[in-house]
Amino acid sequence: MQKQSVTNSNADVTSSTVETMPEGMEWMLDAKCRGAAAIEFFPSDGSGVERAMRVCATCSVQSECLEYALEHRIEHGVWGGASERERRRILKRRAATV
């Protein structure tokens, strides 16, 4: 597995420096949510979900993010513009077509 050294460019987020990026996950470096507070994408209410989804809607790696969440069965938060409920629906639809 090839790894790439990465440093978070957001000066106010010094504690979240990424040392290495596993191969195949480089797309995360271009994510619009990179450096944002995690709570923004793991909201406890519907309006928080909508705010997160608006960020995702303009992200250049939205589809990669959604596929990552689906592949790894991530149950919580907004990933790739999809809520937890939406991801469960996508997985059910995919399972029904197999």
Foldseek 3Di string as FASTA:
>chain_A
DDWDAFADPDPVPRVPGDGIDDPPRCLVVQFQCVPPDVCLFQDPDDVSLVSSLVSLVPGPCLVVFLVVCLVVVPQTGATSSDHNVRSVVVNVVVVVVD
